[in-house]
């Protein structure tokens, strides 16, 4: 199982802070009330990510990549040009590609993903 402790209070590129990543048995819903694998609450530049507890290690990793990239895009005052046109499907494709290229999500690989999309150090 992916150890989530390294993601607590993690400084991310773009001036963001991943405050917490938690597993939850509670049902998660997307903004249009569909079942979701993950949910992110954004408070300014602080992210709180909740992941379904029944996900396998690969699904947890992909979900972390997806949620961090999407949250950074939404929360950025001036998002990098590379993310301006991304939609939900694009975030998922980017997350899948990051997992394949960088392996299981880690503090380093999350920041590499953000760097690849142009988020500043």
Protein backbone atom coordinates (compact mmCIF):
# COMPACT_ATOMS: atom_id res chain seq x y z
CA UNK A 1 0.00 0.00 0.00
CA UNK A 2 1.21 3.49 -0.84
CA UNK A 3 2.47 5.25 2.30
CA UNK A 4 0.64 8.58 2.51
CA UNK A 5 2.71 10.05 5.36
CA UNK A 6 5.29 11.75 3.05
CA UNK A 7 2.47 13.77 1.47
CA UNK A 8 1.40 15.48 4.70
CA UNK A 9 2.35 19.19 4.76
CA UNK A 10 4.18 18.82 1.46
CA UNK A 11 5.38 22.00 -0.25
CA UNK A 12 4.43 21.90 -3.93
CA UNK A 13 5.63 23.96 -6.88
CA UNK A 14 3.57 27.05 -7.51
CA UNK A 15 3.52 28.02 -3.83
CA UNK A 16 0.99 25.38 -2.82
CA UNK A 17 0.90 23.23 0.30
CA UNK A 18 -0.54 19.74 0.30
CA UNK A 19 -1.77 19.85 3.89
CA UNK A 20 -3.12 16.33 4.05
CA UNK A 21 -3.88 13.22 2.09
CA UNK A 22 -6.34 10.87 3.76
CA UNK A 23 -8.10 7.66 2.96
CA UNK A 24 -11.83 7.67 3.57
CA UNK A 25 -14.56 5.06 3.57
CA UNK A 26 -17.11 7.82 3.00
CA UNK A 27 -18.62 8.01 -0.49
CA UNK A 28 -16.96 10.73 -2.56
CA UNK A 29 -18.83 12.72 -5.19
CA UNK A 30 -17.66 14.97 -7.98
CA UNK A 31 -19.22 18.43 -8.47
CA UNK A 32 -22.13 16.98 -10.44
CA UNK A 33 -22.86 14.32 -7.81
CA UNK A 34 -21.25 11.32 -9.55
CA UNK A 35 -19.21 8.76 -7.62
CA UNK A 36 -15.54 9.78 -7.48
CA UNK A 37 -12.29 8.09 -6.48
CA UNK A 38 -10.88 11.25 -4.92
CA UNK A 39 -11.87 14.70 -3.76
CA UNK A 40 -9.79 17.78 -3.09
CA UNK A 41 -10.75 20.67 -0.87
CA UNK A 42 -8.87 23.85 -1.70
CA UNK A 43 -8.42 26.65 0.86
CA UNK A 44 -6.36 29.36 -0.82
CA UNK A 45 -3.09 27.61 -1.63
CA UNK A 46 -3.72 24.70 0.75
CA UNK A 47 -4.95 21.35 -0.56
CA UNK A 48 -6.71 18.60 1.39
CA UNK A 49 -7.04 15.39 -0.63
CA UNK A 50 -9.39 12.56 0.27
CA UNK A 51 -8.98 9.21 -1.50
CA UNK A 52 -11.33 6.25 -1.42
CA UNK A 53 -9.94 3.66 0.98
CA UNK A 54 -10.71 0.75 -1.37
CA UNK A 55 -8.32 1.91 -4.11
CA UNK A 56 -5.28 -0.19 -4.98
CA UNK A 57 -1.78 1.28 -4.98
CA UNK A 58 -1.84 2.19 -8.68
CA UNK A 59 -5.24 3.89 -8.38
CA UNK A 60 -4.05 5.85 -5.34
CA UNK A 61 -0.97 7.01 -7.24
CA UNK A 62 -2.88 8.06 -10.36
CA UNK A 63 -5.47 9.83 -8.20
CA UNK A 64 -2.75 11.81 -6.39
CA UNK A 65 -1.21 12.94 -9.68
CA UNK A 66 -4.65 13.90 -11.01
CA UNK A 67 -5.82 15.76 -7.91
CA UNK A 68 -2.59 17.72 -7.42
CA UNK A 69 -2.40 18.86 -11.04
CA UNK A 70 -6.08 19.80 -11.14
CA UNK A 71 -6.01 21.59 -7.78
CA UNK A 72 -2.88 23.56 -8.72
CA UNK A 73 -4.52 24.58 -11.99
CA UNK A 74 -7.70 25.74 -10.26
CA UNK A 75 -5.94 27.49 -7.37
CA UNK A 76 -3.24 29.28 -9.38
CA UNK A 77 -3.75 33.00 -9.81
CA UNK A 78 -2.03 32.74 -13.19
CA UNK A 79 -1.97 29.10 -14.29
CA UNK A 80 0.78 28.13 -16.71
CA UNK A 81 -0.26 28.17 -20.33
CA UNK A 82 0.19 24.39 -20.57
CA UNK A 83 -2.81 23.79 -18.25
CA UNK A 84 -5.19 26.51 -19.46
CA UNK A 85 -7.16 24.28 -21.81
CA UNK A 86 -7.10 21.06 -19.76
CA UNK A 87 -10.41 19.40 -18.92
CA UNK A 88 -11.22 16.44 -16.67
CA UNK A 89 -10.18 13.92 -19.32
CA UNK A 90 -6.89 15.70 -19.91
CA UNK A 91 -6.10 15.71 -16.18
CA UNK A 92 -6.73 11.96 -16.10
CA UNK A 93 -4.53 11.37 -19.16
CA UNK A 94 -1.75 13.45 -17.60
CA UNK A 95 -2.06 11.51 -14.34
CA UNK A 96 -1.93 8.14 -16.12
CA UNK A 97 1.10 9.26 -18.14
CA UNK A 98 2.86 10.58 -15.02
CA UNK A 99 2.30 7.30 -13.20
CA UNK A 100 3.65 5.36 -16.17
CA UNK A 101 6.68 7.64 -16.62
CA UNK A 102 7.51 8.54 -13.00
CA UNK A 103 6.17 5.52 -11.11
CA UNK A 104 4.23 5.59 -7.89
CA UNK A 105 3.41 9.10 -6.73
CA UNK A 106 5.99 10.54 -4.36
CA UNK A 107 6.72 14.06 -3.14
CA UNK A 108 9.43 14.34 -5.80
CA UNK A 109 7.30 12.99 -8.65
CA UNK A 110 4.33 15.25 -7.83
CA UNK A 111 6.63 18.25 -8.05
CA UNK A 112 8.18 16.92 -11.28
CA UNK A 113 4.67 16.70 -12.77
CA UNK A 114 3.95 20.30 -11.78
CA UNK A 115 7.32 21.39 -13.22
CA UNK A 116 6.51 19.61 -16.50
CA UNK A 117 3.36 21.72 -16.79
CA UNK A 118 5.19 24.97 -16.03
CA UNK A 119 4.42 25.62 -12.36
CA UNK A 120 7.24 27.72 -10.86
CA UNK A 121 9.54 26.53 -8.07
